N, C-alpha and C. Protein backbone atom coordinates (compact mmCIF):
# COMPACT_ATOMS: atom_id res chain seq x y z
N UNK A 1 -7.63 12.70 13.20
CA UNK A 1 -8.07 11.58 12.39
C UNK A 1 -8.91 12.09 11.22
N UNK A 2 -8.80 11.43 10.09
CA UNK A 2 -9.57 11.80 8.91
C UNK A 2 -11.03 11.41 9.08
N UNK A 3 -11.92 12.26 8.60
CA UNK A 3 -13.34 11.93 8.62
C UNK A 3 -13.67 11.14 7.36
N UNK A 4 -14.77 10.36 7.35
CA UNK A 4 -15.09 9.55 6.17
C UNK A 4 -15.15 10.31 4.86
N UNK A 5 -15.63 11.55 4.86
CA UNK A 5 -15.72 12.31 3.61
C UNK A 5 -14.36 12.79 3.13
N UNK A 6 -13.36 12.78 4.00
CA UNK A 6 -12.04 13.27 3.59
C UNK A 6 -11.01 12.15 3.47
N UNK A 7 -11.42 10.91 3.51
CA UNK A 7 -10.47 9.79 3.47
C UNK A 7 -9.66 9.78 2.17
N UNK A 8 -10.32 9.87 1.02
CA UNK A 8 -9.61 9.78 -0.25
C UNK A 8 -8.55 10.87 -0.41
N UNK A 9 -8.87 12.16 -0.21
CA UNK A 9 -7.82 13.17 -0.35
C UNK A 9 -6.72 13.01 0.71
N UNK A 10 -7.08 12.55 1.89
CA UNK A 10 -6.08 12.33 2.94
C UNK A 10 -5.08 11.26 2.50
N UNK A 11 -5.59 10.12 2.02
CA UNK A 11 -4.72 9.02 1.58
C UNK A 11 -3.89 9.46 0.38
N UNK A 12 -4.48 10.20 -0.54
CA UNK A 12 -3.70 10.70 -1.70
C UNK A 12 -2.57 11.62 -1.23
N UNK A 13 -2.84 12.41 -0.21
CA UNK A 13 -1.81 13.29 0.34
C UNK A 13 -0.69 12.48 0.99
N UNK A 14 -1.03 11.44 1.74
CA UNK A 14 -0.02 10.58 2.34
C UNK A 14 0.82 9.92 1.24
N UNK A 15 0.17 9.42 0.18
CA UNK A 15 0.90 8.81 -0.93
C UNK A 15 1.83 9.82 -1.59
N UNK A 16 1.36 11.05 -1.77
CA UNK A 16 2.21 12.11 -2.34
C UNK A 16 3.43 12.34 -1.44
N UNK A 17 3.23 12.29 -0.13
CA UNK A 17 4.33 12.46 0.82
C UNK A 17 5.35 11.33 0.65
N UNK A 18 4.88 10.09 0.47
CA UNK A 18 5.79 8.96 0.21
C UNK A 18 6.62 9.25 -1.03
N UNK A 19 5.96 9.68 -2.12
CA UNK A 19 6.66 9.93 -3.38
C UNK A 19 7.64 11.10 -3.25
N UNK A 20 7.22 12.15 -2.55
CA UNK A 20 8.07 13.33 -2.38
C UNK A 20 9.34 13.03 -1.60
N UNK A 21 9.34 11.96 -0.81
CA UNK A 21 10.53 11.59 -0.03
C UNK A 21 11.66 11.08 -0.93
N UNK A 22 11.33 10.76 -2.19
CA UNK A 22 12.31 10.34 -3.21
C UNK A 22 13.07 9.07 -2.82
N UNK A 23 12.42 8.18 -2.09
CA UNK A 23 13.01 6.90 -1.75
C UNK A 23 12.60 5.83 -2.74
N UNK A 24 12.62 4.59 -2.30
CA UNK A 24 12.29 3.46 -3.16
C UNK A 24 10.89 3.59 -3.75
N UNK A 25 9.95 4.08 -2.97
CA UNK A 25 8.57 4.21 -3.45
C UNK A 25 8.49 5.04 -4.72
N UNK A 26 9.17 6.17 -4.73
CA UNK A 26 9.11 7.05 -5.91
C UNK A 26 9.86 6.43 -7.09
N UNK A 27 10.89 5.67 -6.82
CA UNK A 27 11.66 5.03 -7.88
C UNK A 27 10.88 3.88 -8.52
N UNK A 28 10.22 3.07 -7.67
CA UNK A 28 9.61 1.83 -8.14
C UNK A 28 8.13 1.97 -8.47
N UNK A 29 7.41 2.82 -7.75
CA UNK A 29 5.95 2.86 -7.86
C UNK A 29 5.41 4.23 -8.27
N UNK A 30 6.20 5.00 -8.98
CA UNK A 30 5.77 6.37 -9.32
C UNK A 30 4.50 6.41 -10.16
N UNK A 31 4.18 5.33 -10.87
CA UNK A 31 2.97 5.34 -11.71
C UNK A 31 1.73 4.84 -10.98
N UNK A 32 1.86 4.49 -9.71
CA UNK A 32 0.72 3.98 -8.96
C UNK A 32 -0.23 5.13 -8.56
N UNK A 33 -1.51 4.87 -8.68
CA UNK A 33 -2.54 5.87 -8.38
C UNK A 33 -3.49 5.35 -7.30
N UNK A 34 -3.89 6.25 -6.42
CA UNK A 34 -4.92 5.92 -5.42
C UNK A 34 -6.26 6.13 -6.10
N UNK A 35 -7.00 5.04 -6.31
CA UNK A 35 -8.28 5.09 -7.01
C UNK A 35 -9.42 5.39 -6.06
N UNK A 36 -9.44 4.71 -4.91
CA UNK A 36 -10.50 4.94 -3.94
C UNK A 36 -9.97 4.68 -2.54
N UNK A 37 -10.63 5.27 -1.58
CA UNK A 37 -10.25 5.07 -0.18
C UNK A 37 -11.47 5.32 0.70
N UNK A 38 -11.72 4.37 1.55
CA UNK A 38 -12.71 4.49 2.62
C UNK A 38 -11.98 4.11 3.90
N UNK A 39 -12.59 4.36 5.02
CA UNK A 39 -11.94 4.03 6.28
C UNK A 39 -11.59 2.55 6.31
N UNK A 40 -10.29 2.27 6.38
CA UNK A 40 -9.81 0.90 6.48
C UNK A 40 -9.57 0.19 5.17
N UNK A 41 -9.87 0.84 4.03
CA UNK A 41 -9.72 0.14 2.75
C UNK A 41 -9.29 1.12 1.66
N UNK A 42 -8.30 0.69 0.86
CA UNK A 42 -7.87 1.48 -0.29
C UNK A 42 -7.76 0.59 -1.52
N UNK A 43 -7.95 1.22 -2.67
CA UNK A 43 -7.75 0.55 -3.94
C UNK A 43 -6.78 1.41 -4.75
N UNK A 44 -5.74 0.76 -5.27
CA UNK A 44 -4.70 1.43 -6.02
C UNK A 44 -4.60 0.79 -7.40
N UNK A 45 -4.21 1.55 -8.41
CA UNK A 45 -3.94 1.02 -9.74
C UNK A 45 -2.44 1.12 -10.00
N UNK A 46 -1.88 0.05 -10.53
CA UNK A 46 -0.45 -0.02 -10.80
C UNK A 46 -0.24 -0.69 -12.15
N UNK A 47 0.50 -0.02 -13.05
CA UNK A 47 0.81 -0.56 -14.36
C UNK A 47 2.22 -1.16 -14.35
N UNK A 48 2.32 -2.41 -14.80
CA UNK A 48 3.60 -3.10 -14.86
C UNK A 48 4.42 -2.54 -16.03
N UNK A 49 5.61 -2.03 -15.71
CA UNK A 49 6.52 -1.47 -16.70
C UNK A 49 7.79 -2.32 -16.76
N UNK A 50 8.62 -2.07 -17.74
CA UNK A 50 9.83 -2.86 -17.99
C UNK A 50 10.69 -3.01 -16.72
N UNK A 51 10.87 -1.94 -15.98
CA UNK A 51 11.74 -1.98 -14.79
C UNK A 51 11.16 -2.82 -13.65
N UNK A 52 9.91 -3.25 -13.78
CA UNK A 52 9.26 -4.07 -12.75
C UNK A 52 9.39 -5.56 -13.02
N UNK A 53 10.00 -5.92 -14.14
CA UNK A 53 10.05 -7.33 -14.56
C UNK A 53 11.30 -8.04 -14.07
N UNK A 54 11.17 -9.36 -13.89
CA UNK A 54 12.33 -10.20 -13.62
C UNK A 54 12.90 -10.69 -14.95
N UNK A 55 13.89 -11.54 -14.90
CA UNK A 55 14.53 -12.01 -16.14
C UNK A 55 13.63 -12.93 -16.95
N UNK A 56 12.53 -13.40 -16.35
CA UNK A 56 11.57 -14.23 -17.08
C UNK A 56 10.44 -13.40 -17.70
N UNK A 57 10.60 -12.06 -17.62
CA UNK A 57 9.65 -11.12 -18.21
C UNK A 57 8.29 -11.12 -17.51
N UNK A 58 8.27 -11.44 -16.22
CA UNK A 58 7.04 -11.29 -15.43
C UNK A 58 7.33 -10.40 -14.23
N UNK A 59 6.28 -9.93 -13.59
CA UNK A 59 6.42 -9.01 -12.46
C UNK A 59 7.30 -9.64 -11.38
N UNK A 60 8.33 -8.93 -10.99
CA UNK A 60 9.29 -9.39 -9.99
C UNK A 60 8.60 -9.53 -8.63
N UNK A 61 8.91 -10.61 -7.92
CA UNK A 61 8.35 -10.83 -6.59
C UNK A 61 8.66 -9.72 -5.61
N UNK A 62 9.83 -9.10 -5.75
CA UNK A 62 10.18 -7.97 -4.88
C UNK A 62 9.26 -6.78 -5.09
N UNK A 63 8.83 -6.58 -6.33
CA UNK A 63 7.88 -5.49 -6.61
C UNK A 63 6.52 -5.84 -5.99
N UNK A 64 6.13 -7.11 -6.11
CA UNK A 64 4.87 -7.53 -5.48
C UNK A 64 4.93 -7.29 -3.97
N UNK A 65 6.06 -7.62 -3.36
CA UNK A 65 6.23 -7.38 -1.93
C UNK A 65 6.13 -5.91 -1.59
N UNK A 66 6.71 -5.07 -2.43
CA UNK A 66 6.63 -3.62 -2.22
C UNK A 66 5.19 -3.13 -2.35
N UNK A 67 4.44 -3.70 -3.30
CA UNK A 67 3.02 -3.33 -3.43
C UNK A 67 2.23 -3.72 -2.18
N UNK A 68 2.56 -4.86 -1.60
CA UNK A 68 1.90 -5.27 -0.34
C UNK A 68 2.28 -4.29 0.77
N UNK A 69 3.54 -3.93 0.84
CA UNK A 69 4.02 -3.00 1.86
C UNK A 69 3.30 -1.65 1.75
N UNK A 70 3.30 -1.08 0.57
CA UNK A 70 2.71 0.25 0.38
C UNK A 70 1.18 0.19 0.47
N UNK A 71 0.58 -0.85 -0.10
CA UNK A 71 -0.87 -1.00 0.02
C UNK A 71 -1.29 -1.10 1.48
N UNK A 72 -0.58 -1.91 2.26
CA UNK A 72 -0.88 -2.03 3.68
C UNK A 72 -0.70 -0.71 4.40
N UNK A 73 0.39 -0.01 4.09
CA UNK A 73 0.64 1.29 4.71
C UNK A 73 -0.47 2.29 4.41
N UNK A 74 -0.92 2.33 3.15
CA UNK A 74 -1.97 3.28 2.79
C UNK A 74 -3.32 2.88 3.38
N UNK A 75 -3.54 1.59 3.62
CA UNK A 75 -4.78 1.20 4.31
C UNK A 75 -4.75 1.70 5.75
N UNK A 76 -3.57 1.73 6.36
CA UNK A 76 -3.43 2.31 7.70
C UNK A 76 -3.66 3.82 7.63
N UNK A 77 -3.13 4.46 6.60
CA UNK A 77 -3.37 5.89 6.41
C UNK A 77 -4.87 6.19 6.31
N UNK A 78 -5.62 5.28 5.71
CA UNK A 78 -7.07 5.50 5.55
C UNK A 78 -7.80 5.51 6.89
N UNK A 79 -7.11 5.11 7.93
CA UNK A 79 -7.67 5.16 9.29
C UNK A 79 -7.38 6.50 9.96
N UNK A 80 -6.79 7.43 9.18
CA UNK A 80 -6.48 8.76 9.70
C UNK A 80 -5.05 8.91 10.17
N UNK A 81 -4.18 8.00 9.79
CA UNK A 81 -2.79 8.00 10.24
C UNK A 81 -1.87 8.54 9.14
N UNK A 82 -1.32 9.74 9.37
CA UNK A 82 -0.36 10.27 8.40
C UNK A 82 0.96 9.50 8.49
N UNK A 83 1.42 9.21 9.69
CA UNK A 83 2.56 8.32 9.91
C UNK A 83 1.96 6.92 10.01
N UNK A 84 2.56 5.95 9.30
CA UNK A 84 1.93 4.62 9.21
C UNK A 84 2.76 3.52 9.85
N UNK A 85 3.79 3.86 10.59
CA UNK A 85 4.55 2.86 11.32
C UNK A 85 5.64 2.21 10.49
N UNK A 86 6.22 1.15 11.08
CA UNK A 86 7.31 0.43 10.42
C UNK A 86 6.96 -1.05 10.34
N UNK A 87 7.41 -1.69 9.30
CA UNK A 87 7.11 -3.09 9.06
C UNK A 87 7.76 -3.99 10.10
N UNK A 88 6.96 -4.91 10.65
CA UNK A 88 7.51 -5.95 11.52
C UNK A 88 7.43 -7.31 10.84
N UNK A 89 6.47 -7.48 9.94
CA UNK A 89 6.30 -8.75 9.25
C UNK A 89 5.57 -8.51 7.94
N UNK A 90 6.03 -9.20 6.90
CA UNK A 90 5.37 -9.10 5.61
C UNK A 90 5.39 -10.49 4.97
N UNK A 91 4.22 -10.92 4.52
CA UNK A 91 4.09 -12.23 3.89
C UNK A 91 3.50 -12.04 2.50
N UNK A 92 3.99 -12.81 1.55
CA UNK A 92 3.51 -12.71 0.18
C UNK A 92 3.33 -14.11 -0.39
N UNK A 93 2.18 -14.36 -0.98
CA UNK A 93 1.92 -15.60 -1.70
C UNK A 93 1.62 -15.24 -3.14
N UNK A 94 2.45 -15.73 -4.07
CA UNK A 94 2.29 -15.45 -5.49
C UNK A 94 1.52 -16.59 -6.14
N UNK A 95 0.44 -16.25 -6.83
CA UNK A 95 -0.43 -17.25 -7.43
C UNK A 95 -0.33 -17.33 -8.95
N UNK A 96 -0.15 -16.18 -9.60
CA UNK A 96 -0.07 -16.11 -11.06
C UNK A 96 0.83 -14.95 -11.45
N UNK A 97 1.41 -15.00 -12.65
CA UNK A 97 2.29 -13.90 -13.07
C UNK A 97 1.50 -12.71 -13.62
N UNK A 98 2.18 -11.59 -13.64
CA UNK A 98 1.70 -10.40 -14.35
C UNK A 98 2.79 -10.05 -15.36
N UNK A 99 2.38 -9.50 -16.48
CA UNK A 99 3.30 -9.22 -17.59
C UNK A 99 3.36 -7.72 -17.88
N UNK A 100 4.28 -7.35 -18.71
CA UNK A 100 4.46 -5.97 -19.14
C UNK A 100 3.14 -5.40 -19.65
N UNK A 101 2.78 -4.22 -19.14
CA UNK A 101 1.56 -3.54 -19.57
C UNK A 101 0.32 -3.90 -18.78
N UNK A 102 0.37 -4.97 -17.98
CA UNK A 102 -0.79 -5.32 -17.16
C UNK A 102 -1.08 -4.22 -16.15
N UNK A 103 -2.34 -3.93 -15.94
CA UNK A 103 -2.76 -2.97 -14.92
C UNK A 103 -3.32 -3.76 -13.76
N UNK A 104 -2.65 -3.66 -12.63
CA UNK A 104 -3.06 -4.38 -11.44
C UNK A 104 -3.89 -3.49 -10.54
N UNK A 105 -4.85 -4.10 -9.88
CA UNK A 105 -5.60 -3.43 -8.82
C UNK A 105 -5.03 -3.95 -7.51
N UNK A 106 -4.59 -3.03 -6.67
CA UNK A 106 -4.07 -3.37 -5.35
C UNK A 106 -5.17 -3.02 -4.35
N UNK A 107 -5.76 -4.03 -3.74
CA UNK A 107 -6.86 -3.83 -2.80
C UNK A 107 -6.37 -4.16 -1.40
N UNK A 108 -6.26 -3.12 -0.57
CA UNK A 108 -5.67 -3.27 0.75
C UNK A 108 -6.67 -2.92 1.84
N UNK A 109 -6.67 -3.73 2.89
CA UNK A 109 -7.58 -3.54 4.02
C UNK A 109 -6.79 -3.51 5.32
N UNK A 110 -7.07 -2.53 6.15
CA UNK A 110 -6.53 -2.50 7.50
C UNK A 110 -7.48 -3.33 8.37
N UNK A 111 -7.04 -4.52 8.73
CA UNK A 111 -7.87 -5.45 9.48
C UNK A 111 -8.01 -5.00 10.93
N UNK A 112 -6.91 -4.49 11.49
CA UNK A 112 -6.95 -4.00 12.87
C UNK A 112 -5.86 -2.97 13.06
N UNK A 113 -6.23 -1.86 13.67
CA UNK A 113 -5.28 -0.82 14.05
C UNK A 113 -5.32 -0.73 15.57
N UNK A 114 -4.30 -1.27 16.19
CA UNK A 114 -4.21 -1.24 17.64
C UNK A 114 -3.29 -0.13 18.12
N UNK A 115 -3.01 -0.15 19.42
CA UNK A 115 -2.10 0.85 20.00
C UNK A 115 -0.65 0.59 19.63
N UNK A 116 -0.31 -0.69 19.43
CA UNK A 116 1.07 -1.06 19.15
C UNK A 116 1.27 -1.60 17.74
N UNK A 117 0.34 -2.43 17.28
CA UNK A 117 0.47 -3.06 15.98
C UNK A 117 -0.74 -2.81 15.10
N UNK A 118 -0.50 -2.80 13.79
CA UNK A 118 -1.58 -2.75 12.80
C UNK A 118 -1.41 -3.96 11.89
N UNK A 119 -2.53 -4.54 11.48
CA UNK A 119 -2.53 -5.73 10.64
C UNK A 119 -3.30 -5.43 9.36
N UNK A 120 -2.70 -5.75 8.23
CA UNK A 120 -3.34 -5.46 6.94
C UNK A 120 -3.33 -6.70 6.05
N UNK A 121 -4.25 -6.71 5.11
CA UNK A 121 -4.32 -7.75 4.08
C UNK A 121 -4.38 -7.05 2.73
N UNK A 122 -3.65 -7.60 1.76
CA UNK A 122 -3.56 -6.97 0.45
C UNK A 122 -3.74 -8.03 -0.64
N UNK A 123 -4.63 -7.76 -1.59
CA UNK A 123 -4.80 -8.60 -2.77
C UNK A 123 -4.30 -7.83 -3.99
N UNK A 124 -3.47 -8.48 -4.80
CA UNK A 124 -3.07 -7.93 -6.09
C UNK A 124 -3.90 -8.65 -7.13
N UNK A 125 -4.66 -7.87 -7.91
CA UNK A 125 -5.58 -8.47 -8.88
C UNK A 125 -5.28 -7.99 -10.30
N UNK A 126 -5.44 -8.92 -11.23
CA UNK A 126 -5.39 -8.62 -12.66
C UNK A 126 -6.79 -8.89 -13.17
N UNK A 127 -7.47 -7.82 -13.54
CA UNK A 127 -8.92 -7.87 -13.77
C UNK A 127 -9.54 -8.32 -12.45
N UNK A 128 -10.27 -9.40 -12.39
CA UNK A 128 -10.83 -9.86 -11.11
C UNK A 128 -10.06 -11.05 -10.53
N UNK A 129 -9.01 -11.48 -11.23
CA UNK A 129 -8.24 -12.64 -10.80
C UNK A 129 -7.15 -12.23 -9.80
N UNK A 130 -7.14 -12.85 -8.63
CA UNK A 130 -6.10 -12.59 -7.64
C UNK A 130 -4.81 -13.25 -8.10
N UNK A 131 -3.75 -12.45 -8.27
CA UNK A 131 -2.46 -13.01 -8.68
C UNK A 131 -1.48 -13.12 -7.51
N UNK A 132 -1.74 -12.39 -6.43
CA UNK A 132 -0.90 -12.48 -5.24
C UNK A 132 -1.69 -11.96 -4.04
N UNK A 133 -1.35 -12.50 -2.89
CA UNK A 133 -1.96 -12.04 -1.64
C UNK A 133 -0.86 -11.81 -0.61
N UNK A 134 -1.06 -10.80 0.21
CA UNK A 134 -0.08 -10.52 1.24
C UNK A 134 -0.72 -10.10 2.54
N UNK A 135 0.04 -10.27 3.58
CA UNK A 135 -0.33 -9.77 4.91
C UNK A 135 0.85 -8.93 5.39
N UNK A 136 0.52 -7.85 6.05
CA UNK A 136 1.54 -6.88 6.45
C UNK A 136 1.24 -6.43 7.87
N UNK A 137 2.20 -6.59 8.75
CA UNK A 137 2.06 -6.15 10.14
C UNK A 137 3.02 -4.98 10.35
N UNK A 138 2.53 -3.94 11.02
CA UNK A 138 3.36 -2.77 11.26
C UNK A 138 3.30 -2.36 12.72
N UNK A 139 4.43 -1.92 13.23
CA UNK A 139 4.54 -1.34 14.57
C UNK A 139 4.10 0.11 14.47
N UNK A 140 3.05 0.48 15.20
CA UNK A 140 2.46 1.81 15.04
C UNK A 140 2.47 2.65 16.33
N UNK A 141 3.06 2.15 17.42
CA UNK A 141 3.04 2.92 18.68
C UNK A 141 3.67 4.29 18.51
N UNK A 142 4.80 4.35 17.87
CA UNK A 142 5.48 5.64 17.63
C UNK A 142 4.68 6.48 16.64
N UNK A 143 4.06 5.84 15.65
CA UNK A 143 3.24 6.55 14.67
C UNK A 143 2.07 7.23 15.35
N UNK A 144 1.45 6.56 16.32
CA UNK A 144 0.34 7.19 17.06
C UNK A 144 0.80 8.47 17.74
N UNK A 145 1.99 8.45 18.32
CA UNK A 145 2.53 9.65 18.99
C UNK A 145 2.79 10.74 17.98
N UNK A 146 3.34 10.37 16.80
CA UNK A 146 3.58 11.36 15.74
C UNK A 146 2.28 11.96 15.25
N UNK A 147 1.29 11.10 15.02
CA UNK A 147 -0.02 11.58 14.53
C UNK A 147 -0.71 12.45 15.56
N UNK A 148 -0.54 12.16 16.85
CA UNK A 148 -1.17 12.96 17.90
C UNK A 148 -0.64 14.38 17.90
N UNK A 149 0.63 14.54 17.52
CA UNK A 149 1.24 15.86 17.50
C UNK A 149 1.12 16.58 16.17
N UNK A 150 0.49 15.94 15.19
CA UNK A 150 0.36 16.49 13.84
C UNK A 150 -0.95 17.25 13.73
N UNK A 151 -0.86 18.53 13.49
CA UNK A 151 -2.09 19.34 13.40
C UNK A 151 -2.63 19.42 11.98
N UNK A 152 -1.92 18.82 10.99
CA UNK A 152 -2.40 18.92 9.61
C UNK A 152 -3.40 17.84 9.28
């Protein structure tokens, strides 16, 4: 498990691992940065680019859902988990649009990390205004076993 003084570099390393896998995360969120991380909480910066927009020229709901997914996953990582489990449930409530060039703050909290499930809450903010909120539940039983065998 990560110690409090090593949470930020640990979470940045997990995020780098996500990007290095060359999946959807690296395609869609390559410009996202881990700004801060404490045990159970991460803050990420994400800039809205052309490929993130829907046909109405605002941030696509699918991208918002992906931000909730990744934000929740990285909040679990901040608990010392290199493997962060698999999604069982994801909820998104969109309150306001974001436009091209907007810089969003993704504030994610791991509300509970249990033996089987982890529960997270994620706020997407434009300046201090919440534009979307999400909840993300992940199955982590297998992740705990993976993390137990991980010496890094």
